[in-house]
Amino acid sequence: MRVFVVLFLIAMFSGTALGQQSSDVSSCGVDVRWLNTNGSINYVRSSETPAQLSFLVHLSKGTNCSNAEVSVSATYLTDSQDYVCSGTIRSAMSVTSNVQEFNISIRPFMQLDFLRWRNQPGARGEQPGQRLNCSNIDGTSDVGDAERHKAGWMRLTIGAAHSGSLSITEAIFRFQ
């Protein structure tokens, strides 16, 4: 009888009981990693060439584990690490397979063309740019390109989220 109780408790806490699968979505995992940078990027302020970055997303397999969302955030800081502005592009990209590589272009000083997804599945070539609204410290106004040019640093965060799981990776741009 003790063996039956122990087995029942194990089945109950592992999410299965009497052959039923758990609807617990916490078993879906997501992981994001840079492919072509160690997270430290030197960028020339006057450059019109975008930073070309690549990252890899792994998503758990399972019936409820598909179509994760990738968001991109940027925070601009002065040389002394004082806040200039920050913004987020929510749902900038979507993960459609269990392992997916993303190639993106970042234009730090082009508000209207900040992010481009270069290898979107089903689309040829680089996609139109996505806007980054960058708000000041109290969130009351948008900071334009001229103010961003005064920044010495930018913290770029890539976040992949799915069903309660989240993974982030960051890169620090040093403007010269």
Protein backbone atom coordinates (compact mmCIF):
# COMPACT_ATOMS: atom_id res chain seq x y z
CA MET A 1 0.00 0.00 0.00
CA ARG A 2 2.87 2.39 0.83
CA VAL A 3 4.37 1.79 -2.60
CA PHE A 4 1.06 2.72 -4.24
CA VAL A 5 0.79 5.94 -2.19
CA VAL A 6 4.38 6.90 -3.03
CA LEU A 7 3.81 6.23 -6.74
CA PHE A 8 0.56 8.21 -6.67
CA LEU A 9 2.30 11.18 -5.01
CA ILE A 10 5.16 11.07 -7.51
CA ALA A 11 2.68 11.01 -10.41
CA MET A 12 0.68 13.86 -8.91
CA PHE A 13 3.70 16.10 -8.36
CA SER A 14 5.26 15.30 -11.72
CA GLY A 15 2.14 16.51 -13.51
CA THR A 16 0.70 13.18 -14.55
CA ALA A 17 -1.99 11.14 -12.87
CA LEU A 18 -3.68 8.07 -14.28
CA GLY A 19 -2.25 8.71 -17.76
CA GLN A 20 -3.29 12.37 -18.01
CA GLN A 21 -0.78 14.95 -19.13
CA SER A 22 -0.38 18.10 -17.11
CA SER A 23 -1.32 21.43 -18.64
CA ASP A 24 1.50 23.03 -16.66
CA VAL A 25 3.24 25.35 -19.12
CA SER A 26 6.25 25.87 -16.88
CA SER A 27 7.86 22.85 -18.57
CA CYS A 28 8.44 24.95 -21.71
CA GLY A 29 11.93 26.39 -21.64
CA VAL A 30 13.60 29.02 -23.80
CA ASP A 31 17.25 30.02 -24.14
CA VAL A 32 18.88 32.85 -26.13
CA ARG A 33 22.61 33.30 -26.82
CA TRP A 34 24.78 35.58 -28.96
CA LEU A 35 26.51 33.89 -31.87
CA ASN A 36 28.90 36.55 -33.15
CA THR A 37 29.75 38.74 -30.17
CA ASN A 38 30.93 38.41 -26.61
CA GLY A 39 28.55 41.22 -25.68
CA SER A 40 31.02 44.09 -26.01
CA ILE A 41 30.67 46.18 -29.17
CA ASN A 42 32.60 49.30 -30.18
CA TYR A 43 30.56 51.46 -32.53
CA VAL A 44 31.69 54.63 -34.29
CA ARG A 45 29.09 57.37 -33.79
CA SER A 46 29.50 58.75 -37.30
CA SER A 47 29.16 55.33 -38.94
CA GLU A 48 26.22 54.77 -41.23
CA THR A 49 26.93 51.05 -41.24
CA PRO A 50 24.64 49.11 -38.91
CA ALA A 51 25.94 46.65 -36.33
CA GLN A 52 25.27 43.15 -37.68
CA LEU A 53 24.40 40.79 -34.83
CA SER A 54 23.33 37.15 -34.67
CA PHE A 55 21.77 35.17 -31.85
CA LEU A 56 20.37 31.69 -31.40
CA VAL A 57 17.12 30.74 -29.64
CA HIS A 58 16.38 27.24 -28.37
CA LEU A 59 12.78 26.44 -27.46
CA SER A 60 11.58 23.30 -25.68
CA LYS A 61 9.67 20.70 -27.61
CA GLY A 62 6.15 19.87 -26.58
CA THR A 63 2.55 20.47 -27.52
CA ASN A 64 2.42 23.84 -25.78
CA CYS A 65 5.98 24.91 -26.61
CA SER A 66 5.96 26.88 -29.85
CA ASN A 67 5.94 30.44 -31.16
CA ALA A 68 7.98 32.34 -28.59
CA GLU A 69 8.17 36.12 -28.76
CA VAL A 70 11.44 38.07 -29.06
CA SER A 71 11.57 41.64 -27.75
CA VAL A 72 14.43 44.11 -28.09
CA SER A 73 15.22 46.83 -25.53
CA ALA A 74 17.83 49.57 -25.62
CA THR A 75 18.99 51.86 -22.84
CA TYR A 76 21.23 54.81 -23.67
CA LEU A 77 23.67 56.12 -21.05
CA THR A 78 26.12 59.01 -20.92
CA ASP A 79 29.87 58.42 -20.57
CA SER A 80 29.40 58.63 -16.79
CA GLN A 81 26.55 56.06 -16.93
CA ASP A 82 23.76 58.59 -16.40
CA TYR A 83 20.43 57.69 -17.98
CA VAL A 84 19.55 59.26 -21.35
CA CYS A 85 16.56 57.18 -22.50
CA SER A 86 15.27 53.66 -23.00
CA GLY A 87 12.74 51.89 -25.16
CA THR A 88 11.47 48.47 -26.13
CA ILE A 89 10.27 46.95 -29.37
CA ARG A 90 7.80 44.34 -28.18
CA SER A 91 7.18 41.33 -30.41
CA ALA A 92 10.03 42.43 -32.67
CA MET A 93 10.48 38.86 -33.93
CA SER A 94 8.90 35.47 -33.38
CA VAL A 95 10.41 32.04 -32.85
CA THR A 96 8.76 29.51 -35.15
CA SER A 97 10.97 26.45 -34.64
CA ASN A 98 12.70 24.73 -31.74
CA VAL A 99 16.11 26.04 -32.81
CA GLN A 100 16.27 29.29 -34.73
CA GLU A 101 19.07 31.67 -35.68
CA PHE A 102 18.30 35.38 -35.92
CA ASN A 103 20.38 37.86 -37.92
CA ILE A 104 19.63 41.50 -37.13
CA SER A 105 20.93 44.96 -37.99
CA ILE A 106 21.05 47.61 -35.27
CA ARG A 107 21.28 51.31 -36.14
CA PRO A 108 21.74 52.98 -32.73
CA PHE A 109 21.19 56.54 -33.96
CA MET A 110 18.28 56.01 -36.32
CA GLN A 111 15.08 56.10 -34.29
CA LEU A 112 12.81 55.24 -37.24
CA ASP A 113 15.07 52.43 -38.52
CA PHE A 114 16.60 51.05 -35.31
CA LEU A 115 16.16 47.30 -35.90
CA ARG A 116 15.98 45.17 -39.03
CA TRP A 117 15.41 41.43 -39.09
CA ARG A 118 17.66 40.16 -41.88
CA ASN A 119 16.59 36.51 -42.10
CA GLN A 120 12.87 36.43 -41.36
CA PRO A 121 11.42 33.06 -42.42
CA GLY A 122 9.31 33.30 -45.56
CA ALA A 123 10.62 36.77 -46.44
CA ARG A 124 13.38 37.62 -48.87
CA GLY A 125 16.14 39.91 -47.73
CA GLU A 126 16.33 42.43 -44.95
CA GLN A 127 12.96 43.59 -43.66
CA PRO A 128 11.89 47.24 -43.21
CA GLY A 129 13.25 48.92 -40.12
CA GLN A 130 11.42 48.95 -36.80
CA ARG A 131 11.13 52.11 -34.74
CA LEU A 132 12.55 52.43 -31.22
CA ASN A 133 10.66 54.95 -29.12
CA CYS A 134 13.18 56.02 -26.50
CA SER A 135 11.63 57.72 -23.47
CA ASN A 136 13.34 60.06 -21.04
CA ILE A 137 13.85 59.14 -17.39
CA ASP A 138 10.31 59.99 -16.26
CA GLY A 139 8.70 58.58 -19.41
CA THR A 140 7.04 61.86 -20.37
CA SER A 141 8.73 62.50 -23.70
CA ASP A 142 10.47 60.74 -26.55
CA VAL A 143 14.20 61.36 -26.93
CA GLY A 144 15.23 61.86 -30.56
CA ASP A 145 18.35 60.99 -32.51
CA ALA A 146 20.17 64.24 -31.60
CA GLU A 147 19.97 63.47 -27.87
CA ARG A 148 20.95 59.84 -28.42
CA HIS A 149 24.11 61.01 -30.20
CA LYS A 150 25.24 62.42 -26.84
CA ALA A 151 25.21 58.94 -25.29
CA GLY A 152 28.47 57.15 -24.59
CA TRP A 153 26.93 53.72 -24.11
CA MET A 154 23.94 51.66 -25.13
CA ARG A 155 22.77 48.50 -23.38
CA LEU A 156 20.97 46.25 -25.90
CA THR A 157 18.83 43.47 -24.42
CA ILE A 158 17.31 40.62 -26.41
CA GLY A 159 14.57 38.77 -24.54
CA ALA A 160 12.81 35.60 -25.67
CA ALA A 161 9.62 34.72 -23.78
CA HIS A 162 7.22 31.83 -23.93
CA SER A 163 4.55 30.61 -21.51
CA GLY A 164 6.16 31.97 -18.39
CA SER A 165 9.75 31.18 -19.43
CA LEU A 166 12.17 33.98 -20.20
CA SER A 167 15.74 34.15 -21.39
CA ILE A 168 17.76 37.30 -22.04
CA THR A 169 21.13 38.19 -23.43
CA GLU A 170 22.72 41.62 -23.40
CA ALA A 171 25.31 43.51 -25.39
CA ILE A 172 27.00 46.76 -24.42
CA PHE A 173 27.72 49.24 -27.20
CA ARG A 174 30.55 51.69 -26.53
CA PHE A 175 30.19 54.75 -28.77
CA GLN A 176 33.40 56.34 -30.05
